[in-house]
N, C-alpha and C. Protein backbone atom coordinates (compact mmCIF):
# COMPACT_ATOMS: atom_id res chain seq x y z
N UNK A 1 71.27 109.47 102.66
CA UNK A 1 71.22 108.45 101.64
C UNK A 1 71.65 107.11 102.22
N UNK A 2 71.20 106.06 101.60
CA UNK A 2 71.53 104.71 101.99
C UNK A 2 72.76 104.24 101.22
N UNK A 3 73.88 104.05 101.91
CA UNK A 3 75.10 103.61 101.24
C UNK A 3 74.97 102.22 100.62
N UNK A 4 74.12 101.39 101.18
CA UNK A 4 73.92 100.05 100.61
C UNK A 4 73.38 100.15 99.19
N UNK A 5 72.67 101.22 98.89
CA UNK A 5 72.07 101.39 97.56
C UNK A 5 73.11 101.66 96.48
N UNK A 6 74.34 101.97 96.86
CA UNK A 6 75.39 102.23 95.87
C UNK A 6 76.51 101.18 95.92
N UNK A 7 76.35 100.16 96.73
CA UNK A 7 77.37 99.13 96.88
C UNK A 7 77.40 98.18 95.69
N UNK A 8 78.62 97.84 95.25
CA UNK A 8 78.80 96.82 94.21
C UNK A 8 79.00 95.46 94.88
N UNK A 9 78.58 94.40 94.22
CA UNK A 9 78.75 93.05 94.73
C UNK A 9 79.78 92.33 93.86
N UNK A 10 80.81 91.79 94.52
CA UNK A 10 81.84 91.06 93.79
C UNK A 10 81.33 89.65 93.50
N UNK A 11 81.33 89.28 92.22
CA UNK A 11 80.90 87.94 91.80
C UNK A 11 82.07 86.98 91.70
N UNK A 12 83.20 87.48 91.19
CA UNK A 12 84.39 86.64 91.07
C UNK A 12 85.62 87.52 91.07
N UNK A 13 86.75 86.90 91.39
CA UNK A 13 88.02 87.62 91.42
C UNK A 13 89.11 86.67 90.95
N UNK A 14 89.96 87.16 90.05
CA UNK A 14 91.07 86.34 89.55
C UNK A 14 92.32 87.20 89.45
N UNK A 15 93.48 86.56 89.54
CA UNK A 15 94.77 87.24 89.46
C UNK A 15 95.19 87.34 88.00
N UNK A 16 95.43 88.56 87.54
CA UNK A 16 95.91 88.79 86.17
C UNK A 16 97.43 88.85 86.11
N UNK A 17 98.03 89.38 87.19
CA UNK A 17 99.49 89.55 87.23
C UNK A 17 99.92 89.53 88.68
N UNK A 18 101.04 88.86 88.95
CA UNK A 18 101.60 88.84 90.30
C UNK A 18 103.05 89.27 90.23
N UNK A 19 103.33 90.46 90.77
CA UNK A 19 104.68 90.98 90.78
C UNK A 19 105.32 90.85 92.15
N UNK A 20 106.48 91.47 92.31
CA UNK A 20 107.19 91.43 93.60
C UNK A 20 106.48 92.28 94.64
N UNK A 21 105.87 93.38 94.22
CA UNK A 21 105.26 94.32 95.15
C UNK A 21 103.74 94.25 95.14
N UNK A 22 103.15 94.09 93.98
CA UNK A 22 101.69 94.16 93.86
C UNK A 22 101.15 92.99 93.04
N UNK A 23 99.85 92.81 93.17
CA UNK A 23 99.12 91.85 92.33
C UNK A 23 97.99 92.62 91.67
N UNK A 24 97.78 92.33 90.38
CA UNK A 24 96.67 92.92 89.66
C UNK A 24 95.56 91.89 89.56
N UNK A 25 94.39 92.24 90.09
CA UNK A 25 93.24 91.34 90.10
C UNK A 25 92.15 91.88 89.18
N UNK A 26 91.41 90.95 88.58
CA UNK A 26 90.20 91.28 87.83
C UNK A 26 89.02 90.88 88.70
N UNK A 27 88.12 91.83 88.91
CA UNK A 27 86.90 91.57 89.67
C UNK A 27 85.71 91.74 88.74
N UNK A 28 84.85 90.75 88.73
CA UNK A 28 83.58 90.86 88.03
C UNK A 28 82.56 91.23 89.10
N UNK A 29 81.82 92.32 88.86
CA UNK A 29 80.91 92.85 89.88
C UNK A 29 79.51 93.05 89.30
N UNK A 30 78.55 93.07 90.22
CA UNK A 30 77.20 93.49 89.87
C UNK A 30 77.03 94.90 90.41
N UNK A 31 76.60 95.81 89.56
CA UNK A 31 76.39 97.21 89.93
C UNK A 31 75.06 97.37 90.65
N UNK A 32 74.87 98.49 91.33
CA UNK A 32 73.60 98.73 92.04
C UNK A 32 72.36 98.66 91.14
N UNK A 33 72.54 98.92 89.84
CA UNK A 33 71.39 98.87 88.93
C UNK A 33 71.17 97.47 88.35
N UNK A 34 71.97 96.48 88.81
CA UNK A 34 71.80 95.11 88.36
C UNK A 34 72.68 94.73 87.18
N UNK A 35 73.31 95.67 86.53
CA UNK A 35 74.18 95.38 85.39
C UNK A 35 75.53 94.86 85.89
N UNK A 36 76.27 94.22 84.99
CA UNK A 36 77.59 93.68 85.31
C UNK A 36 78.67 94.64 84.86
N UNK A 37 79.82 94.58 85.52
CA UNK A 37 80.98 95.38 85.14
C UNK A 37 82.24 94.65 85.57
N UNK A 38 83.37 95.06 85.00
CA UNK A 38 84.66 94.51 85.34
C UNK A 38 85.49 95.61 86.00
N UNK A 39 86.18 95.26 87.06
CA UNK A 39 87.08 96.19 87.75
C UNK A 39 88.47 95.58 87.79
N UNK A 40 89.50 96.41 87.59
CA UNK A 40 90.87 95.98 87.80
C UNK A 40 91.34 96.63 89.10
N UNK A 41 91.84 95.81 90.01
CA UNK A 41 92.25 96.29 91.33
C UNK A 41 93.67 95.82 91.62
N UNK A 42 94.52 96.75 92.00
CA UNK A 42 95.87 96.42 92.44
C UNK A 42 95.81 96.10 93.93
N UNK A 43 96.24 94.90 94.27
CA UNK A 43 96.31 94.47 95.68
C UNK A 43 97.73 94.74 96.18
N UNK A 44 97.81 95.42 97.31
CA UNK A 44 99.09 95.85 97.89
C UNK A 44 99.10 95.47 99.36
N UNK A 45 100.23 95.03 99.91
CA UNK A 45 100.24 94.60 101.31
C UNK A 45 100.03 95.74 102.32
N UNK A 46 100.21 96.99 101.88
CA UNK A 46 100.08 98.12 102.79
C UNK A 46 101.44 98.65 103.19
N UNK A 47 101.45 99.74 103.94
CA UNK A 47 102.70 100.38 104.32
C UNK A 47 102.51 101.17 105.61
N UNK A 48 103.64 101.57 106.18
CA UNK A 48 103.64 102.46 107.34
C UNK A 48 104.59 103.61 107.05
N UNK A 49 104.26 104.77 107.60
CA UNK A 49 105.06 105.98 107.38
C UNK A 49 105.21 106.71 108.71
N UNK A 50 106.25 107.52 108.81
CA UNK A 50 106.59 108.17 110.08
C UNK A 50 106.95 109.63 109.87
N UNK A 51 106.43 110.50 110.73
CA UNK A 51 106.86 111.89 110.78
C UNK A 51 107.74 112.00 112.04
N UNK A 52 109.06 111.92 111.87
CA UNK A 52 109.96 111.99 113.02
C UNK A 52 110.32 113.45 113.35
N UNK A 53 109.85 113.93 114.49
CA UNK A 53 110.05 115.32 114.88
C UNK A 53 110.93 115.36 116.13
N UNK A 54 112.06 116.07 116.03
CA UNK A 54 112.96 116.15 117.19
C UNK A 54 112.54 117.27 118.13
N UNK A 55 113.29 117.44 119.21
CA UNK A 55 112.95 118.41 120.26
C UNK A 55 113.01 119.85 119.77
N UNK A 56 113.66 120.11 118.62
CA UNK A 56 113.74 121.45 118.05
C UNK A 56 112.73 121.69 116.94
N UNK A 57 111.82 120.74 116.75
CA UNK A 57 110.80 120.90 115.71
C UNK A 57 111.30 120.57 114.31
N UNK A 58 112.44 119.89 114.24
CA UNK A 58 113.00 119.49 112.95
C UNK A 58 112.49 118.10 112.58
N UNK A 59 112.15 117.94 111.30
CA UNK A 59 111.66 116.67 110.79
C UNK A 59 112.73 116.06 109.89
N UNK A 60 113.03 114.80 110.14
CA UNK A 60 113.98 114.08 109.28
C UNK A 60 113.22 113.53 108.09
N UNK A 61 113.61 113.98 106.91
CA UNK A 61 112.97 113.60 105.65
C UNK A 61 113.94 112.77 104.82
N UNK A 62 113.38 112.01 103.88
CA UNK A 62 114.22 111.27 102.94
C UNK A 62 113.90 111.74 101.53
N UNK A 63 114.93 111.82 100.72
CA UNK A 63 114.75 112.15 99.30
C UNK A 63 115.19 110.93 98.51
N UNK A 64 114.33 110.54 97.55
CA UNK A 64 114.68 109.41 96.71
C UNK A 64 114.06 109.56 95.33
N UNK A 65 114.73 108.95 94.37
CA UNK A 65 114.20 108.97 93.01
C UNK A 65 113.04 108.00 92.94
N UNK A 66 111.91 108.47 92.43
CA UNK A 66 110.72 107.63 92.27
C UNK A 66 110.50 107.41 90.78
N UNK A 67 110.83 106.23 90.32
CA UNK A 67 110.77 105.90 88.90
C UNK A 67 109.39 106.12 88.32
N UNK A 68 108.34 105.79 89.08
CA UNK A 68 106.97 105.92 88.56
C UNK A 68 106.64 107.34 88.12
N UNK A 69 107.19 108.34 88.81
CA UNK A 69 106.92 109.74 88.45
C UNK A 69 108.13 110.42 87.81
N UNK A 70 109.25 109.70 87.74
CA UNK A 70 110.42 110.19 87.03
C UNK A 70 111.16 111.34 87.68
N UNK A 71 111.12 111.42 89.02
CA UNK A 71 111.85 112.51 89.68
C UNK A 71 112.13 112.18 91.14
N UNK A 72 112.97 112.99 91.74
CA UNK A 72 113.29 112.86 93.16
C UNK A 72 112.18 113.52 93.96
N UNK A 73 111.68 112.81 94.98
CA UNK A 73 110.66 113.35 95.88
C UNK A 73 111.20 113.42 97.29
N UNK A 74 110.78 114.44 98.01
CA UNK A 74 111.10 114.57 99.43
C UNK A 74 109.91 114.01 100.19
N UNK A 75 110.16 113.02 101.04
CA UNK A 75 109.10 112.28 101.70
C UNK A 75 109.42 112.02 103.17
N UNK A 76 108.38 111.67 103.92
CA UNK A 76 108.60 111.15 105.26
C UNK A 76 109.07 109.71 105.11
N UNK A 77 109.86 109.20 106.07
CA UNK A 77 110.30 107.80 105.99
C UNK A 77 109.09 106.86 105.96
N UNK A 78 109.17 105.84 105.12
CA UNK A 78 108.06 104.91 104.96
C UNK A 78 108.53 103.65 104.28
N UNK A 79 107.70 102.62 104.37
CA UNK A 79 108.00 101.40 103.65
C UNK A 79 106.84 100.44 103.71
N UNK A 80 106.86 99.48 102.80
CA UNK A 80 105.76 98.53 102.71
C UNK A 80 105.84 97.50 103.84
N UNK A 81 104.69 96.96 104.15
CA UNK A 81 104.62 95.87 105.12
C UNK A 81 105.18 94.61 104.48
N UNK A 82 105.76 93.74 105.29
CA UNK A 82 106.24 92.47 104.77
C UNK A 82 105.08 91.54 104.43
N UNK A 83 103.93 91.74 105.09
CA UNK A 83 102.70 91.01 104.79
C UNK A 83 101.53 91.84 105.30
N UNK A 84 100.33 91.54 104.82
CA UNK A 84 99.14 92.28 105.27
C UNK A 84 98.92 92.13 106.77
N UNK A 85 99.47 91.06 107.37
CA UNK A 85 99.27 90.79 108.80
C UNK A 85 100.33 91.43 109.69
N UNK A 86 101.36 92.04 109.10
CA UNK A 86 102.43 92.62 109.91
C UNK A 86 101.89 93.76 110.77
N UNK A 87 102.37 93.85 111.99
CA UNK A 87 102.01 94.94 112.88
C UNK A 87 102.49 96.25 112.27
N UNK A 88 101.58 97.19 112.06
CA UNK A 88 101.90 98.43 111.37
C UNK A 88 102.86 99.33 112.16
N UNK A 89 102.73 99.35 113.48
CA UNK A 89 103.65 100.15 114.30
C UNK A 89 105.06 99.56 114.24
N UNK A 90 105.18 98.25 114.32
CA UNK A 90 106.50 97.63 114.23
C UNK A 90 107.13 97.90 112.87
N UNK A 91 106.32 97.89 111.82
CA UNK A 91 106.84 98.22 110.49
C UNK A 91 107.32 99.67 110.44
N UNK A 92 106.57 100.59 111.07
CA UNK A 92 106.98 102.00 111.11
C UNK A 92 108.32 102.15 111.84
N UNK A 93 108.46 101.45 112.96
CA UNK A 93 109.72 101.51 113.71
C UNK A 93 110.88 100.97 112.88
N UNK A 94 110.65 99.87 112.18
CA UNK A 94 111.68 99.27 111.33
C UNK A 94 112.10 100.23 110.21
N UNK A 95 111.11 100.81 109.53
CA UNK A 95 111.41 101.70 108.41
C UNK A 95 112.14 102.96 108.87
N UNK A 96 111.75 103.52 110.01
CA UNK A 96 112.43 104.70 110.53
C UNK A 96 113.90 104.39 110.80
N UNK A 97 114.16 103.25 111.43
CA UNK A 97 115.54 102.86 111.74
C UNK A 97 116.32 102.58 110.46
N UNK A 98 115.73 101.80 109.55
CA UNK A 98 116.46 101.44 108.33
C UNK A 98 116.80 102.66 107.48
N UNK A 99 115.83 103.56 107.31
CA UNK A 99 116.03 104.69 106.38
C UNK A 99 116.80 105.85 107.00
N UNK A 100 116.64 106.09 108.30
CA UNK A 100 117.24 107.28 108.91
C UNK A 100 118.22 106.97 110.04
N UNK A 101 118.20 105.76 110.57
CA UNK A 101 119.02 105.43 111.73
C UNK A 101 118.39 105.89 113.04
N UNK A 102 117.18 106.43 112.97
CA UNK A 102 116.53 106.95 114.17
C UNK A 102 115.65 105.90 114.84
N UNK A 103 115.53 106.04 116.16
CA UNK A 103 114.51 105.31 116.91
C UNK A 103 113.81 106.36 117.76
N UNK A 104 112.62 106.03 118.24
CA UNK A 104 111.81 107.02 118.96
C UNK A 104 111.27 106.43 120.25
N UNK A 105 111.19 107.28 121.27
CA UNK A 105 110.62 106.86 122.55
C UNK A 105 109.10 106.96 122.55
N UNK A 106 108.56 107.88 121.73
CA UNK A 106 107.12 108.15 121.75
C UNK A 106 106.53 107.98 120.35
N UNK A 107 105.40 107.26 120.28
CA UNK A 107 104.73 107.01 119.01
C UNK A 107 103.25 107.32 119.15
N UNK A 108 102.73 108.05 118.18
CA UNK A 108 101.30 108.37 118.13
C UNK A 108 100.79 108.01 116.74
N UNK A 109 99.74 107.23 116.68
CA UNK A 109 99.12 106.91 115.39
C UNK A 109 98.30 108.12 114.97
N UNK A 110 98.64 108.71 113.82
CA UNK A 110 97.93 109.89 113.33
C UNK A 110 96.71 109.53 112.50
N UNK A 111 96.89 108.61 111.54
CA UNK A 111 95.77 108.24 110.67
C UNK A 111 96.17 107.08 109.78
N UNK A 112 95.19 106.55 109.07
CA UNK A 112 95.40 105.59 107.99
C UNK A 112 94.83 106.23 106.73
N UNK A 113 95.56 106.12 105.62
CA UNK A 113 95.05 106.67 104.36
C UNK A 113 94.99 105.59 103.29
N UNK A 114 93.97 105.69 102.45
CA UNK A 114 93.89 104.86 101.25
C UNK A 114 94.45 105.74 100.13
N UNK A 115 95.50 105.27 99.50
CA UNK A 115 96.26 106.13 98.60
C UNK A 115 95.55 106.41 97.28
N UNK A 116 95.02 105.39 96.65
CA UNK A 116 94.37 105.55 95.35
C UNK A 116 93.20 104.57 95.26
N UNK A 117 92.11 104.84 95.97
CA UNK A 117 91.01 103.87 96.09
C UNK A 117 90.27 103.59 94.79
N UNK A 118 90.53 104.33 93.75
CA UNK A 118 89.88 104.05 92.47
C UNK A 118 90.37 102.76 91.83
N UNK A 119 91.60 102.31 92.20
CA UNK A 119 92.12 101.08 91.60
C UNK A 119 93.07 100.30 92.49
N UNK A 120 93.34 100.76 93.71
CA UNK A 120 94.33 100.10 94.55
C UNK A 120 93.84 100.04 95.99
N UNK A 121 94.14 98.92 96.68
CA UNK A 121 93.70 98.76 98.07
C UNK A 121 94.77 99.11 99.09
N UNK A 122 95.86 99.77 98.66
CA UNK A 122 96.94 100.12 99.59
C UNK A 122 96.42 101.01 100.72
N UNK A 123 96.79 100.62 101.94
CA UNK A 123 96.48 101.40 103.14
C UNK A 123 97.81 101.74 103.81
N UNK A 124 98.03 103.03 104.08
CA UNK A 124 99.25 103.47 104.75
C UNK A 124 98.88 104.01 106.13
N UNK A 125 99.51 103.46 107.16
CA UNK A 125 99.36 103.96 108.53
C UNK A 125 100.45 105.00 108.76
N UNK A 126 100.05 106.17 109.27
CA UNK A 126 101.00 107.26 109.48
C UNK A 126 101.13 107.54 110.98
N UNK A 127 102.37 107.63 111.43
CA UNK A 127 102.68 107.82 112.85
C UNK A 127 103.51 109.08 113.06
N UNK A 128 103.36 109.68 114.23
CA UNK A 128 104.23 110.75 114.71
C UNK A 128 105.21 110.12 115.68
N UNK A 129 106.50 110.36 115.48
CA UNK A 129 107.53 109.82 116.36
C UNK A 129 108.30 110.98 116.99
N UNK A 130 108.42 110.96 118.31
CA UNK A 130 109.18 111.97 119.04
C UNK A 130 110.09 111.26 120.06
N UNK A 131 110.93 112.05 120.72
CA UNK A 131 111.90 111.46 121.64
C UNK A 131 112.91 110.64 120.84
N UNK A 132 113.49 111.28 119.83
CA UNK A 132 114.33 110.59 118.86
C UNK A 132 115.75 110.37 119.38
N UNK A 133 116.33 109.23 118.99
CA UNK A 133 117.74 108.97 119.26
C UNK A 133 118.34 108.38 117.99
N UNK A 134 119.62 108.66 117.77
CA UNK A 134 120.28 108.29 116.52
C UNK A 134 121.01 106.97 116.66
N UNK A 135 120.95 106.19 115.57
CA UNK A 135 121.70 104.94 115.43
C UNK A 135 122.21 104.85 114.01
N UNK A 136 122.40 103.64 113.53
CA UNK A 136 122.91 103.41 112.18
C UNK A 136 121.77 103.14 111.21
N UNK A 137 121.93 103.64 109.99
CA UNK A 137 120.95 103.33 108.94
C UNK A 137 121.20 101.92 108.40
N UNK A 138 120.18 101.36 107.78
CA UNK A 138 120.28 100.03 107.19
C UNK A 138 119.29 99.94 106.03
N UNK A 139 119.51 100.77 104.97
CA UNK A 139 118.55 100.78 103.86
C UNK A 139 118.53 99.46 103.10
N UNK A 140 117.41 99.21 102.42
CA UNK A 140 117.32 98.05 101.56
C UNK A 140 118.39 98.12 100.48
N UNK A 141 118.75 96.97 99.92
CA UNK A 141 119.81 96.88 98.92
C UNK A 141 119.56 97.76 97.70
N UNK A 142 118.29 97.94 97.34
CA UNK A 142 117.95 98.72 96.15
C UNK A 142 117.42 100.11 96.49
N UNK A 143 117.71 100.57 97.70
CA UNK A 143 117.19 101.85 98.18
C UNK A 143 118.34 102.86 98.33
N UNK A 144 118.23 103.98 97.61
CA UNK A 144 119.25 105.02 97.66
C UNK A 144 118.57 106.30 98.12
N UNK A 145 119.01 106.82 99.26
CA UNK A 145 118.33 107.94 99.90
C UNK A 145 119.29 109.05 100.26
N UNK A 146 118.80 110.28 100.21
CA UNK A 146 119.45 111.42 100.86
C UNK A 146 118.57 111.80 102.02
N UNK A 147 119.19 112.08 103.15
CA UNK A 147 118.45 112.45 104.35
C UNK A 147 118.62 113.94 104.59
N UNK A 148 117.51 114.63 104.86
CA UNK A 148 117.52 116.06 105.16
C UNK A 148 116.65 116.34 106.37
N UNK A 149 117.03 117.37 107.11
CA UNK A 149 116.19 117.82 108.23
C UNK A 149 115.65 119.19 107.89
N UNK A 150 114.35 119.35 108.13
CA UNK A 150 113.69 120.63 107.88
C UNK A 150 112.77 120.95 109.04
N UNK A 151 112.60 122.24 109.32
CA UNK A 151 111.62 122.61 110.36
C UNK A 151 110.21 122.19 109.93
N UNK A 152 109.43 121.68 110.87
CA UNK A 152 108.07 121.29 110.58
C UNK A 152 107.29 122.45 109.97
N UNK A 153 107.49 123.65 110.48
CA UNK A 153 106.77 124.82 109.96
C UNK A 153 107.10 125.07 108.49
N UNK A 154 108.36 124.85 108.09
CA UNK A 154 108.74 125.02 106.68
C UNK A 154 108.07 123.96 105.81
N UNK A 155 107.99 122.73 106.31
CA UNK A 155 107.34 121.67 105.56
C UNK A 155 105.85 121.95 105.37
N UNK A 156 105.21 122.50 106.39
CA UNK A 156 103.79 122.87 106.26
C UNK A 156 103.64 123.89 105.14
N UNK A 157 104.52 124.88 105.09
CA UNK A 157 104.45 125.88 104.03
C UNK A 157 104.71 125.26 102.65
N UNK A 158 105.62 124.32 102.59
CA UNK A 158 105.89 123.63 101.33
C UNK A 158 104.65 122.86 100.85
N UNK A 159 103.96 122.21 101.79
CA UNK A 159 102.71 121.52 101.46
C UNK A 159 101.70 122.51 100.91
N UNK A 160 101.53 123.63 101.59
CA UNK A 160 100.52 124.62 101.20
C UNK A 160 100.84 125.29 99.86
N UNK A 161 102.14 125.35 99.50
CA UNK A 161 102.54 125.91 98.21
C UNK A 161 102.51 124.85 97.10
N UNK A 162 102.18 123.61 97.44
CA UNK A 162 102.14 122.54 96.44
C UNK A 162 103.50 121.98 96.09
N UNK A 163 104.50 122.21 96.91
CA UNK A 163 105.85 121.73 96.63
C UNK A 163 106.05 120.28 97.07
N UNK A 164 105.17 119.80 97.91
CA UNK A 164 105.19 118.40 98.32
C UNK A 164 103.93 117.77 97.76
N UNK A 165 104.11 116.76 96.91
CA UNK A 165 102.95 116.16 96.24
C UNK A 165 102.65 114.76 96.72
N UNK A 166 103.55 114.14 97.45
CA UNK A 166 103.35 112.78 97.93
C UNK A 166 102.26 112.77 99.00
N UNK A 167 101.22 111.97 98.79
CA UNK A 167 100.04 112.02 99.66
C UNK A 167 100.34 111.65 101.11
N UNK A 168 101.15 110.63 101.34
CA UNK A 168 101.44 110.24 102.72
C UNK A 168 102.23 111.34 103.43
N UNK A 169 103.11 112.00 102.69
CA UNK A 169 103.94 113.04 103.27
C UNK A 169 103.12 114.28 103.61
N UNK A 170 102.31 114.74 102.67
CA UNK A 170 101.55 115.96 102.98
C UNK A 170 100.51 115.69 104.07
N UNK A 171 99.90 114.51 104.08
CA UNK A 171 98.96 114.17 105.16
C UNK A 171 99.68 114.10 106.49
N UNK A 172 100.81 113.41 106.52
CA UNK A 172 101.57 113.26 107.76
C UNK A 172 102.06 114.59 108.30
N UNK A 173 102.58 115.44 107.43
CA UNK A 173 103.10 116.75 107.86
C UNK A 173 101.98 117.59 108.46
N UNK A 174 100.84 117.69 107.76
CA UNK A 174 99.74 118.52 108.26
C UNK A 174 99.15 117.97 109.55
N UNK A 175 99.03 116.66 109.65
CA UNK A 175 98.47 116.07 110.87
C UNK A 175 99.44 116.18 112.04
N UNK A 176 100.75 116.00 111.79
CA UNK A 176 101.73 116.15 112.86
C UNK A 176 101.73 117.59 113.37
N UNK A 177 101.69 118.56 112.44
CA UNK A 177 101.65 119.97 112.85
C UNK A 177 100.40 120.25 113.67
N UNK A 178 99.28 119.76 113.23
CA UNK A 178 98.02 119.98 113.97
C UNK A 178 98.09 119.34 115.34
N UNK A 179 98.65 118.13 115.42
CA UNK A 179 98.75 117.45 116.71
C UNK A 179 99.68 118.21 117.66
N UNK A 180 100.83 118.66 117.14
CA UNK A 180 101.82 119.31 117.99
C UNK A 180 101.48 120.77 118.29
N UNK A 181 100.80 121.46 117.37
CA UNK A 181 100.57 122.89 117.55
C UNK A 181 99.12 123.32 117.55
N UNK A 182 98.22 122.43 117.09
CA UNK A 182 96.82 122.84 116.96
C UNK A 182 95.86 122.12 117.87
N UNK A 183 96.39 121.19 118.66
CA UNK A 183 95.58 120.55 119.67
C UNK A 183 94.59 119.51 119.18
N UNK A 184 94.87 118.81 118.11
CA UNK A 184 93.91 117.78 117.67
C UNK A 184 94.09 116.56 118.47
């Protein structure tokens, strides 16, 4: 099939709301059949995430309350970019240090994911970090975290049982496991 035949054309774009983290835009588009439609799109600067795996196969995870879903989630360390132009690897290194106190000698880019493409342009770059060394944490002023270490194999099983629902975390865990044990 021809992908151009299903492409929408943006006619105009305006800001409906501008918050601290996101902007809500209204897009007026022309559909492939020539009709007009309106789309609401959340613009997000993007983020970087890290699967930090030590020499014993243990992954340092963070647990934090996520207001949007009303519960504590266990996640890989991550954080938003300061701007869309920020170097994603440098952001990953910063977030790993701030949230866990860890730094890494080795970095591998695993993938980039679009979190919710139906209404948001957020792109998260996910990295595998190894050769870890410990330092001091430096979380954001409004960030409250518990840090836990779990075997990568246990995290894979948690993903497969549906116990981890965060998309960046389950993607990162499965890709890190595949990279380290499955030869991708």
